[in-house]
Amino acid sequence: MARLSSRATEFAEFEARLAQEEITAEALNGRLRVVMTGDGRPVSLHIDPAALHGPEGRRLGTHISELIMAARQQADVRREELESGELASLAEPHEESRRA
């Protein structure tokens, strides 16, 4: 039971760490920018007024959708990186305890 409680605490700490990280993705040479947390929650969307004009302005909705998806994918990659590191660090003490 104590081990389960410890794992739950570790998971909560991991999720809190992800929520504190920020992922930034840009499109249209920086004229569009989205910031998300590491757990995939949107923080901000910046649209430079120059992005509203010309042929790119007509596709602005598509660009924004693609940008948000790219940021979410980056957040997923970051989660996987952290999970891999967490799993490796959790396995190390376990291996040492087997040797003892």
C-alpha atoms as a PDB file:
ATOM      1  CA  MET A   1       0.000   0.000   0.000  1.00  0.00           C
ATOM      2  CA  ALA A   2       2.838   2.377   0.843  1.00  0.00           C
ATOM      3  CA  ARG A   3       4.455   1.659  -2.526  1.00  0.00           C
ATOM      4  CA  LEU A   4       1.195   2.450  -4.336  1.00  0.00           C
ATOM      5  CA  SER A   5       0.900   5.718  -2.418  1.00  0.00           C
ATOM      6  CA  SER A   6       4.501   6.540  -3.320  1.00  0.00           C
ATOM      7  CA  ARG A   7       3.818   5.867  -7.019  1.00  0.00           C
ATOM      8  CA  ALA A   8       0.710   8.075  -6.903  1.00  0.00           C
ATOM      9  CA  THR A   9       2.774  10.877  -5.384  1.00  0.00           C
ATOM     10  CA  GLU A  10       5.473  10.452  -8.045  1.00  0.00           C
ATOM     11  CA  PHE A  11       2.832  10.555 -10.787  1.00  0.00           C
ATOM     12  CA  ALA A  12       1.296  13.734  -9.345  1.00  0.00           C
ATOM     13  CA  GLU A  13       4.740  15.363  -9.184  1.00  0.00           C
ATOM     14  CA  PHE A  14       5.421  14.320 -12.776  1.00  0.00           C
ATOM     15  CA  GLU A  15       2.116  15.827 -13.954  1.00  0.00           C
ATOM     16  CA  ALA A  16       2.810  19.046 -12.037  1.00  0.00           C
ATOM     17  CA  ARG A  17       6.238  19.296 -13.667  1.00  0.00           C
ATOM     18  CA  LEU A  18       4.673  18.872 -17.124  1.00  0.00           C
ATOM     19  CA  ALA A  19       2.078  21.542 -16.351  1.00  0.00           C
ATOM     20  CA  GLN A  20       4.905  23.983 -15.560  1.00  0.00           C
ATOM     21  CA  GLU A  21       6.763  23.434 -18.823  1.00  0.00           C
ATOM     22  CA  GLU A  22       5.968  25.554 -21.841  1.00  0.00           C
ATOM     23  CA  ILE A  23       6.126  24.419 -25.454  1.00  0.00           C
ATOM     24  CA  THR A  24       6.247  27.115 -28.146  1.00  0.00           C
ATOM     25  CA  ALA A  25       5.499  26.487 -31.806  1.00  0.00           C
ATOM     26  CA  GLU A  26       5.652  29.059 -34.593  1.00  0.00           C
ATOM     27  CA  ALA A  27       4.429  29.320 -38.169  1.00  0.00           C
ATOM     28  CA  LEU A  28       4.505  31.863 -40.989  1.00  0.00           C
ATOM     29  CA  ASN A  29       8.006  33.001 -40.064  1.00  0.00           C
ATOM     30  CA  GLY A  30       6.992  33.714 -36.474  1.00  0.00           C
ATOM     31  CA  ARG A  31       3.849  35.662 -37.348  1.00  0.00           C
ATOM     32  CA  LEU A  32       1.812  32.945 -35.616  1.00  0.00           C
ATOM     33  CA  ARG A  33       2.899  31.539 -32.282  1.00  0.00           C
ATOM     34  CA  VAL A  34       1.190  29.232 -29.822  1.00  0.00           C
ATOM     35  CA  VAL A  35       2.371  28.385 -26.330  1.00  0.00           C
ATOM     36  CA  MET A  36       1.145  25.242 -24.573  1.00  0.00           C
ATOM     37  CA  THR A  37       1.990  23.577 -21.329  1.00  0.00           C
ATOM     38  CA  GLY A  38       3.841  20.285 -21.387  1.00  0.00           C
ATOM     39  CA  ASP A  39       0.567  18.537 -20.604  1.00  0.00           C
ATOM     40  CA  GLY A  40      -1.044  20.009 -23.735  1.00  0.00           C
ATOM     41  CA  ARG A  41      -3.081  22.904 -22.348  1.00  0.00           C
ATOM     42  CA  PRO A  42      -3.017  26.080 -24.460  1.00  0.00           C
ATOM     43  CA  VAL A  43      -1.530  29.147 -22.767  1.00  0.00           C
ATOM     44  CA  SER A  44      -1.505  31.734 -25.537  1.00  0.00           C
ATOM     45  CA  LEU A  45      -1.911  32.340 -29.244  1.00  0.00           C
ATOM     46  CA  HIS A  46      -0.155  35.291 -30.852  1.00  0.00           C
ATOM     47  CA  ILE A  47      -1.206  36.488 -34.295  1.00  0.00           C
ATOM     48  CA  ASP A  48       0.916  39.239 -35.805  1.00  0.00           C
ATOM     49  CA  PRO A  49      -1.321  41.670 -37.725  1.00  0.00           C
ATOM     50  CA  ALA A  50       0.792  41.009 -40.842  1.00  0.00           C
ATOM     51  CA  ALA A  51      -0.529  37.424 -40.834  1.00  0.00           C
ATOM     52  CA  LEU A  52      -4.027  38.731 -41.541  1.00  0.00           C
ATOM     53  CA  HIS A  53      -3.169  40.111 -44.983  1.00  0.00           C
ATOM     54  CA  GLY A  54      -2.386  38.549 -48.328  1.00  0.00           C
ATOM     55  CA  PRO A  55      -2.842  34.949 -49.371  1.00  0.00           C
ATOM     56  CA  GLU A  56      -1.772  33.615 -45.952  1.00  0.00           C
ATOM     57  CA  GLY A  57      -4.552  35.591 -44.278  1.00  0.00           C
ATOM     58  CA  ARG A  58      -7.162  33.646 -46.216  1.00  0.00           C
ATOM     59  CA  ARG A  59      -5.772  30.401 -44.797  1.00  0.00           C
ATOM     60  CA  LEU A  60      -5.288  31.707 -41.271  1.00  0.00           C
ATOM     61  CA  GLY A  61      -7.705  29.217 -39.682  1.00  0.00           C
ATOM     62  CA  THR A  62      -5.896  26.311 -41.302  1.00  0.00           C
ATOM     63  CA  HIS A  63      -2.515  27.655 -40.208  1.00  0.00           C
ATOM     64  CA  ILE A  64      -3.730  28.079 -36.631  1.00  0.00           C
ATOM     65  CA  SER A  65      -5.163  24.547 -36.537  1.00  0.00           C
ATOM     66  CA  GLU A  66      -1.939  23.079 -37.910  1.00  0.00           C
ATOM     67  CA  LEU A  67       0.124  25.114 -35.467  1.00  0.00           C
ATOM     68  CA  ILE A  68      -1.909  23.948 -32.478  1.00  0.00           C
ATOM     69  CA  MET A  69      -1.570  20.331 -33.603  1.00  0.00           C
ATOM     70  CA  ALA A  70       2.198  20.782 -34.002  1.00  0.00           C
ATOM     71  CA  ALA A  71       2.469  22.225 -30.490  1.00  0.00           C
ATOM     72  CA  ARG A  72       0.426  19.350 -29.058  1.00  0.00           C
ATOM     73  CA  GLN A  73       2.698  16.866 -30.819  1.00  0.00           C
ATOM     74  CA  GLN A  74       5.742  18.625 -29.330  1.00  0.00           C
ATOM     75  CA  ALA A  75       4.095  18.401 -25.896  1.00  0.00           C
ATOM     76  CA  ASP A  76       3.493  14.669 -26.454  1.00  0.00           C
ATOM     77  CA  VAL A  77       7.144  14.181 -27.407  1.00  0.00           C
ATOM     78  CA  ARG A  78       8.221  16.067 -24.284  1.00  0.00           C
ATOM     79  CA  ARG A  79       5.936  13.898 -22.134  1.00  0.00           C
ATOM     80  CA  GLU A  80       7.474  10.771 -23.650  1.00  0.00           C
ATOM     81  CA  GLU A  81      10.983  12.100 -23.000  1.00  0.00           C
ATOM     82  CA  LEU A  82      10.171  12.813 -19.373  1.00  0.00           C
ATOM     83  CA  GLU A  83       8.385   9.495 -18.935  1.00  0.00           C
ATOM     84  CA  SER A  84      11.405   7.650 -20.334  1.00  0.00           C
ATOM     85  CA  GLY A  85      13.660   9.477 -17.902  1.00  0.00           C
ATOM     86  CA  GLU A  86      11.283   8.819 -15.012  1.00  0.00           C
ATOM     87  CA  LEU A  87      11.018   5.128 -15.828  1.00  0.00           C
ATOM     88  CA  ALA A  88      14.782   4.826 -16.065  1.00  0.00           C
ATOM     89  CA  SER A  89      15.281   6.559 -12.720  1.00  0.00           C
ATOM     90  CA  LEU A  90      12.594   4.415 -11.105  1.00  0.00           C
ATOM     91  CA  ALA A  91      14.228   1.250 -12.427  1.00  0.00           C
ATOM     92  CA  GLU A  92      17.684   2.141 -11.080  1.00  0.00           C
ATOM     93  CA  PRO A  93      16.827   1.979  -7.345  1.00  0.00           C
ATOM     94  CA  HIS A  94      14.843  -1.185  -8.025  1.00  0.00           C
ATOM     95  CA  GLU A  95      17.910  -2.832  -9.606  1.00  0.00           C
ATOM     96  CA  GLU A  96      20.076  -1.766  -6.658  1.00  0.00           C
ATOM     97  CA  SER A  97      17.603  -3.149  -4.148  1.00  0.00           C
ATOM     98  CA  ARG A  98      17.692  -6.530  -5.918  1.00  0.00           C
ATOM     99  CA  ARG A  99      21.484  -6.649  -5.547  1.00  0.00           C
ATOM    100  CA  ALA A 100      21.376  -5.863  -1.844  1.00  0.00           C
END
